[in-house]
C-alpha atoms as a PDB file:
ATOM      1  CA  UNK A   1      93.416 121.957  89.950  1.00  0.00           C
ATOM      2  CA  UNK A   2      91.852 118.729  90.722  1.00  0.00           C
ATOM      3  CA  UNK A   3      88.279 118.595  91.395  1.00  0.00           C
ATOM      4  CA  UNK A   4      88.149 116.524  95.083  1.00  0.00           C
ATOM      5  CA  UNK A   5      84.711 115.021  94.173  1.00  0.00           C
ATOM      6  CA  UNK A   6      82.659 112.852  96.480  1.00  0.00           C
ATOM      7  CA  UNK A   7      80.185 110.554  95.013  1.00  0.00           C
ATOM      8  CA  UNK A   8      76.859 108.720  96.513  1.00  0.00           C
ATOM      9  CA  UNK A   9      75.940 105.806  94.050  1.00  0.00           C
ATOM     10  CA  UNK A  10      74.832 102.639  95.318  1.00  0.00           C
ATOM     11  CA  UNK A  11      75.795 100.926  91.628  1.00  0.00           C
ATOM     12  CA  UNK A  12      78.753  99.475  91.742  1.00  0.00           C
ATOM     13  CA  UNK A  13      79.236  99.679  88.326  1.00  0.00           C
ATOM     14  CA  UNK A  14      77.578 102.987  87.023  1.00  0.00           C
ATOM     15  CA  UNK A  15      80.164 104.405  90.262  1.00  0.00           C
ATOM     16  CA  UNK A  16      83.084 102.791  88.952  1.00  0.00           C
ATOM     17  CA  UNK A  17      82.141 104.137  85.424  1.00  0.00           C
ATOM     18  CA  UNK A  18      81.662 107.533  86.558  1.00  0.00           C
ATOM     19  CA  UNK A  19      84.786 107.828  88.392  1.00  0.00           C
ATOM     20  CA  UNK A  20      87.211 106.400  85.468  1.00  0.00           C
ATOM     21  CA  UNK A  21      85.308 108.569  82.703  1.00  0.00           C
ATOM     22  CA  UNK A  22      85.281 112.136  85.155  1.00  0.00           C
ATOM     23  CA  UNK A  23      89.085 111.344  86.220  1.00  0.00           C
ATOM     24  CA  UNK A  24      90.316 110.594  82.534  1.00  0.00           C
ATOM     25  CA  UNK A  25      88.288 113.369  80.927  1.00  0.00           C
ATOM     26  CA  UNK A  26      88.093 116.143  83.787  1.00  0.00           C
ATOM     27  CA  UNK A  27      90.820 116.539  86.115  1.00  0.00           C
ATOM     28  CA  UNK A  28      88.301 115.177  88.903  1.00  0.00           C
ATOM     29  CA  UNK A  29      90.023 113.282  91.579  1.00  0.00           C
ATOM     30  CA  UNK A  30      87.779 110.959  93.719  1.00  0.00           C
ATOM     31  CA  UNK A  31      88.142 111.116  97.431  1.00  0.00           C
ATOM     32  CA  UNK A  32      85.540 108.887  98.216  1.00  0.00           C
ATOM     33  CA  UNK A  33      82.398 106.949  97.762  1.00  0.00           C
ATOM     34  CA  UNK A  34      78.902 106.157  99.443  1.00  0.00           C
ATOM     35  CA  UNK A  35      76.736 103.783  98.745  1.00  0.00           C
ATOM     36  CA  UNK A  36      73.359 105.258 101.172  1.00  0.00           C
ATOM     37  CA  UNK A  37      72.063 108.051 102.523  1.00  0.00           C
ATOM     38  CA  UNK A  38      73.564 107.555 106.221  1.00  0.00           C
ATOM     39  CA  UNK A  39      77.419 107.150 104.606  1.00  0.00           C
ATOM     40  CA  UNK A  40      77.036 110.464 102.377  1.00  0.00           C
ATOM     41  CA  UNK A  41      75.987 112.380 105.205  1.00  0.00           C
ATOM     42  CA  UNK A  42      78.556 111.548 107.468  1.00  0.00           C
ATOM     43  CA  UNK A  43      81.341 111.717 105.078  1.00  0.00           C
ATOM     44  CA  UNK A  44      80.768 114.991 103.434  1.00  0.00           C
ATOM     45  CA  UNK A  45      79.812 116.452 106.744  1.00  0.00           C
ATOM     46  CA  UNK A  46      82.605 115.617 108.683  1.00  0.00           C
ATOM     47  CA  UNK A  47      85.154 115.866 106.244  1.00  0.00           C
ATOM     48  CA  UNK A  48      83.855 119.403 105.165  1.00  0.00           C
ATOM     49  CA  UNK A  49      87.576 120.921 104.072  1.00  0.00           C
ATOM     50  CA  UNK A  50      88.275 117.638 101.953  1.00  0.00           C
ATOM     51  CA  UNK A  51      85.637 117.823  98.727  1.00  0.00           C
ATOM     52  CA  UNK A  52      84.530 120.239  96.492  1.00  0.00           C
ATOM     53  CA  UNK A  53      81.981 118.384  94.363  1.00  0.00           C
ATOM     54  CA  UNK A  54      79.367 116.011  95.247  1.00  0.00           C
ATOM     55  CA  UNK A  55      77.944 113.577  92.881  1.00  0.00           C
ATOM     56  CA  UNK A  56      74.450 112.161  94.612  1.00  0.00           C
ATOM     57  CA  UNK A  57      72.477 109.724  93.245  1.00  0.00           C
ATOM     58  CA  UNK A  58      68.370 110.129  94.606  1.00  0.00           C
ATOM     59  CA  UNK A  59      67.520 106.691  94.594  1.00  0.00           C
ATOM     60  CA  UNK A  60      70.260 104.425  97.241  1.00  0.00           C
ATOM     61  CA  UNK A  61      70.052 101.590  98.745  1.00  0.00           C
ATOM     62  CA  UNK A  62      69.429 103.054 102.096  1.00  0.00           C
ATOM     63  CA  UNK A  63      67.539 106.053 102.326  1.00  0.00           C
ATOM     64  CA  UNK A  64      67.263 108.783  99.331  1.00  0.00           C
ATOM     65  CA  UNK A  65      70.338 111.168  98.014  1.00  0.00           C
ATOM     66  CA  UNK A  66      67.531 113.979  98.652  1.00  0.00           C
ATOM     67  CA  UNK A  67      68.786 113.424 102.536  1.00  0.00           C
ATOM     68  CA  UNK A  68      72.258 114.246 101.161  1.00  0.00           C
ATOM     69  CA  UNK A  69      71.561 117.120  99.443  1.00  0.00           C
ATOM     70  CA  UNK A  70      69.646 118.412 102.711  1.00  0.00           C
ATOM     71  CA  UNK A  71      72.297 117.700 104.764  1.00  0.00           C
ATOM     72  CA  UNK A  72      74.718 119.614 102.953  1.00  0.00           C
ATOM     73  CA  UNK A  73      72.787 123.108 102.642  1.00  0.00           C
ATOM     74  CA  UNK A  74      74.898 125.040 104.530  1.00  0.00           C
ATOM     75  CA  UNK A  75      78.685 123.621 102.754  1.00  0.00           C
ATOM     76  CA  UNK A  76      81.423 125.925 102.401  1.00  0.00           C
ATOM     77  CA  UNK A  77      81.395 128.615  99.633  1.00  0.00           C
ATOM     78  CA  UNK A  78      82.065 127.534  96.127  1.00  0.00           C
ATOM     79  CA  UNK A  79      81.082 123.381  97.178  1.00  0.00           C
ATOM     80  CA  UNK A  80      79.028 122.134  94.878  1.00  0.00           C
ATOM     81  CA  UNK A  81      75.965 119.678  95.414  1.00  0.00           C
ATOM     82  CA  UNK A  82      75.314 118.350  91.743  1.00  0.00           C
ATOM     83  CA  UNK A  83      72.745 115.213  91.191  1.00  0.00           C
ATOM     84  CA  UNK A  84      72.552 112.130  88.653  1.00  0.00           C
ATOM     85  CA  UNK A  85      69.951 110.797  88.473  1.00  0.00           C
ATOM     86  CA  UNK A  86      67.524 108.480  85.608  1.00  0.00           C
ATOM     87  CA  UNK A  87      65.010 110.227  87.422  1.00  0.00           C
ATOM     88  CA  UNK A  88      65.458 113.926  86.193  1.00  0.00           C
ATOM     89  CA  UNK A  89      61.859 115.009  86.242  1.00  0.00           C
ATOM     90  CA  UNK A  90      60.920 118.472  86.041  1.00  0.00           C
ATOM     91  CA  UNK A  91      59.362 117.820  89.441  1.00  0.00           C
ATOM     92  CA  UNK A  92      62.710 116.256  90.857  1.00  0.00           C
ATOM     93  CA  UNK A  93      64.808 119.095  89.408  1.00  0.00           C
ATOM     94  CA  UNK A  94      62.351 122.057  91.334  1.00  0.00           C
ATOM     95  CA  UNK A  95      63.035 120.039  94.229  1.00  0.00           C
ATOM     96  CA  UNK A  96      66.340 119.655  93.941  1.00  0.00           C
ATOM     97  CA  UNK A  97      66.732 123.517  93.491  1.00  0.00           C
ATOM     98  CA  UNK A  98      64.960 123.933  96.576  1.00  0.00           C
ATOM     99  CA  UNK A  99      67.520 122.171  98.114  1.00  0.00           C
ATOM    100  CA  UNK A 100      70.163 123.947  97.101  1.00  0.00           C
ATOM    101  CA  UNK A 101      71.383 121.989  94.200  1.00  0.00           C
ATOM    102  CA  UNK A 102      73.895 123.420  91.668  1.00  0.00           C
ATOM    103  CA  UNK A 103      73.027 121.057  88.589  1.00  0.00           C
ATOM    104  CA  UNK A 104      71.205 117.963  87.863  1.00  0.00           C
ATOM    105  CA  UNK A 105      72.013 115.487  85.388  1.00  0.00           C
ATOM    106  CA  UNK A 106      69.996 112.746  83.494  1.00  0.00           C
ATOM    107  CA  UNK A 107      72.051 109.210  83.553  1.00  0.00           C
ATOM    108  CA  UNK A 108      70.495 108.496  80.200  1.00  0.00           C
ATOM    109  CA  UNK A 109      71.674 111.292  78.126  1.00  0.00           C
ATOM    110  CA  UNK A 110      73.571 114.233  79.814  1.00  0.00           C
ATOM    111  CA  UNK A 111      76.902 112.096  80.902  1.00  0.00           C
ATOM    112  CA  UNK A 112      79.107 114.576  78.193  1.00  0.00           C
ATOM    113  CA  UNK A 113      76.910 117.944  80.075  1.00  0.00           C
ATOM    114  CA  UNK A 114      77.898 116.268  83.464  1.00  0.00           C
ATOM    115  CA  UNK A 115      81.950 115.987  82.311  1.00  0.00           C
ATOM    116  CA  UNK A 116      81.678 119.901  80.807  1.00  0.00           C
ATOM    117  CA  UNK A 117      80.653 120.827  84.129  1.00  0.00           C
ATOM    118  CA  UNK A 118      82.960 119.029  85.742  1.00  0.00           C
ATOM    119  CA  UNK A 119      85.635 120.716  83.254  1.00  0.00           C
ATOM    120  CA  UNK A 120      84.699 124.047  83.859  1.00  0.00           C
ATOM    121  CA  UNK A 121      84.579 124.110  87.568  1.00  0.00           C
ATOM    122  CA  UNK A 122      87.966 122.373  87.701  1.00  0.00           C
ATOM    123  CA  UNK A 123      89.638 124.699  85.405  1.00  0.00           C
ATOM    124  CA  UNK A 124      87.910 127.314  88.350  1.00  0.00           C
ATOM    125  CA  UNK A 125      86.662 130.072  85.209  1.00  0.00           C
ATOM    126  CA  UNK A 126      83.333 131.179  87.006  1.00  0.00           C
ATOM    127  CA  UNK A 127      82.649 132.837  83.197  1.00  0.00           C
ATOM    128  CA  UNK A 128      81.791 129.504  81.917  1.00  0.00           C
ATOM    129  CA  UNK A 129      84.177 129.145  79.118  1.00  0.00           C
ATOM    130  CA  UNK A 130      86.207 125.921  79.032  1.00  0.00           C
ATOM    131  CA  UNK A 131      90.009 125.890  77.876  1.00  0.00           C
ATOM    132  CA  UNK A 132      89.548 125.606  74.493  1.00  0.00           C
ATOM    133  CA  UNK A 133      87.777 129.628  74.358  1.00  0.00           C
ATOM    134  CA  UNK A 134      83.856 127.724  73.928  1.00  0.00           C
ATOM    135  CA  UNK A 135      81.161 128.615  76.538  1.00  0.00           C
ATOM    136  CA  UNK A 136      79.991 125.501  78.058  1.00  0.00           C
ATOM    137  CA  UNK A 137      76.302 125.394  78.376  1.00  0.00           C
ATOM    138  CA  UNK A 138      74.547 125.996  81.937  1.00  0.00           C
ATOM    139  CA  UNK A 139      73.325 122.620  83.201  1.00  0.00           C
ATOM    140  CA  UNK A 140      69.271 123.150  83.368  1.00  0.00           C
ATOM    141  CA  UNK A 141      67.688 122.600  87.215  1.00  0.00           C
END
Protein backbone atom coordinates (compact mmCIF):
# COMPACT_ATOMS: atom_id res chain seq x y z
CA UNK A 1 0.00 0.00 0.00
CA UNK A 2 1.38 3.42 -0.95
CA UNK A 3 1.37 5.99 1.81
CA UNK A 4 -0.48 9.04 0.45
CA UNK A 5 1.74 11.87 1.61
CA UNK A 6 1.28 15.64 1.60
CA UNK A 7 4.40 17.78 2.02
CA UNK A 8 4.50 21.30 3.44
CA UNK A 9 7.98 22.62 2.58
CA UNK A 10 8.89 25.96 1.01
CA UNK A 11 12.32 24.98 -0.34
CA UNK A 12 11.74 23.50 -3.80
CA UNK A 13 15.06 21.63 -3.89
CA UNK A 14 14.49 19.97 -0.51
CA UNK A 15 10.88 19.20 -1.43
CA UNK A 16 11.72 17.56 -4.76
CA UNK A 17 14.62 15.56 -3.30
CA UNK A 18 12.43 14.41 -0.42
CA UNK A 19 9.64 13.31 -2.75
CA UNK A 20 12.07 11.42 -4.97
CA UNK A 21 13.73 9.69 -2.03
CA UNK A 22 10.50 8.70 -0.32
CA UNK A 23 8.82 7.50 -3.51
CA UNK A 24 11.86 5.36 -4.35
CA UNK A 25 12.63 3.94 -0.91
CA UNK A 26 9.44 3.99 1.12
CA UNK A 27 6.39 3.26 -1.02
CA UNK A 28 5.19 6.85 -0.69
CA UNK A 29 2.92 8.63 -3.15
CA UNK A 30 3.14 12.43 -3.00
CA UNK A 31 -0.45 13.67 -3.30
CA UNK A 32 0.37 17.36 -3.05
CA UNK A 33 2.65 20.05 -1.75
CA UNK A 34 2.37 23.46 -0.14
CA UNK A 35 4.87 26.25 0.44
CA UNK A 36 2.87 28.27 2.97
CA UNK A 37 0.90 27.76 6.16
CA UNK A 38 -2.37 28.81 4.52
CA UNK A 39 -1.94 26.47 1.53
CA UNK A 40 -1.10 23.56 3.83
CA UNK A 41 -4.01 24.14 6.21
CA UNK A 42 -6.49 24.63 3.37
CA UNK A 43 -5.53 21.49 1.42
CA UNK A 44 -5.20 19.17 4.41
CA UNK A 45 -8.57 20.22 5.85
CA UNK A 46 -10.51 20.16 2.57
CA UNK A 47 -9.00 16.85 1.39
CA UNK A 48 -9.12 14.96 4.68
CA UNK A 49 -9.91 11.64 2.98
CA UNK A 50 -7.00 11.90 0.52
CA UNK A 51 -3.91 11.72 2.73
CA UNK A 52 -2.32 9.32 5.21
CA UNK A 53 0.79 11.27 6.18
CA UNK A 54 1.68 14.95 6.27
CA UNK A 55 5.33 15.99 6.46
CA UNK A 56 5.61 19.58 7.67
CA UNK A 57 8.55 21.97 7.88
CA UNK A 58 8.29 24.55 10.67
CA UNK A 59 9.68 27.62 8.89
CA UNK A 60 7.72 28.45 5.74
CA UNK A 61 7.60 31.23 3.16
CA UNK A 62 4.40 32.46 4.84
CA UNK A 63 3.29 31.51 8.32
CA UNK A 64 4.58 28.54 10.27
CA UNK A 65 4.34 24.79 10.20
CA UNK A 66 3.05 25.03 13.77
CA UNK A 67 -0.15 26.57 12.39
CA UNK A 68 -0.51 23.65 9.97
CA UNK A 69 -0.02 21.17 12.81
CA UNK A 70 -2.56 22.96 15.02
CA UNK A 71 -5.12 22.91 12.20
CA UNK A 72 -4.77 19.12 11.90
CA UNK A 73 -5.09 18.19 15.56
CA UNK A 74 -8.50 16.61 14.89
CA UNK A 75 -7.46 14.53 11.91
CA UNK A 76 -8.90 11.10 11.09
CA UNK A 77 -7.63 8.07 13.03
CA UNK A 78 -4.59 6.59 11.33
CA UNK A 79 -3.48 9.85 9.73
CA UNK A 80 0.05 10.77 10.78
CA UNK A 81 1.67 14.18 11.13
CA UNK A 82 5.45 14.46 11.23
CA UNK A 83 7.80 17.41 11.35
CA UNK A 84 10.97 17.62 9.26
CA UNK A 85 12.99 20.62 10.37
CA UNK A 86 16.49 21.99 10.81
CA UNK A 87 15.36 23.13 14.25
CA UNK A 88 14.45 19.87 15.98
CA UNK A 89 15.53 21.15 19.40
CA UNK A 90 14.15 19.68 22.64
CA UNK A 91 11.84 22.72 23.00
CA UNK A 92 10.54 22.33 19.44
CA UNK A 93 10.00 18.60 19.97
CA UNK A 94 8.01 19.35 23.14
CA UNK A 95 5.84 21.94 21.36
CA UNK A 96 5.21 19.51 18.50
CA UNK A 97 4.19 16.80 20.97
CA UNK A 98 1.71 19.25 22.52
CA UNK A 99 0.21 19.71 19.04
CA UNK A 100 -0.23 15.96 18.58
CA UNK A 101 2.64 15.36 16.17
CA UNK A 102 3.53 11.70 15.72
CA UNK A 103 7.28 12.22 15.13
CA UNK A 104 9.93 14.91 14.63
CA UNK A 105 12.94 14.44 12.36
CA UNK A 106 15.98 16.68 11.96
CA UNK A 107 16.72 17.46 8.30
CA UNK A 108 20.45 17.39 8.89
CA UNK A 109 20.82 13.89 10.32
CA UNK A 110 17.52 11.99 10.56
CA UNK A 111 16.40 11.51 6.94
CA UNK A 112 17.10 7.77 7.20
CA UNK A 113 14.85 7.63 10.27
CA UNK A 114 12.10 9.42 8.30
CA UNK A 115 12.44 6.87 5.49
CA UNK A 116 12.23 4.03 8.04
CA UNK A 117 9.14 5.65 9.58
CA UNK A 118 7.47 5.85 6.15
CA UNK A 119 8.38 2.24 5.34
CA UNK A 120 6.87 1.13 8.65
CA UNK A 121 3.62 3.01 8.08
CA UNK A 122 3.26 2.11 4.41
CA UNK A 123 3.47 -1.57 5.38
CA UNK A 124 0.61 -1.06 7.81
CA UNK A 125 2.55 -2.93 10.50
CA UNK A 126 1.59 -1.46 13.86
CA UNK A 127 4.07 -3.65 15.73
CA UNK A 128 7.07 -1.60 14.59
CA UNK A 129 8.73 -4.31 12.51
CA UNK A 130 9.84 -3.70 8.95
CA UNK A 131 9.58 -6.14 6.04
CA UNK A 132 12.93 -7.74 6.87
CA UNK A 133 11.78 -8.55 10.38
CA UNK A 134 13.95 -5.85 11.98
CA UNK A 135 12.51 -3.66 14.67
CA UNK A 136 12.11 -0.08 13.49
CA UNK A 137 13.20 2.42 16.12
CA UNK A 138 10.55 4.79 17.36
CA UNK A 139 11.43 8.42 16.54
CA UNK A 140 11.78 10.70 19.51
CA UNK A 141 9.67 13.72 20.10
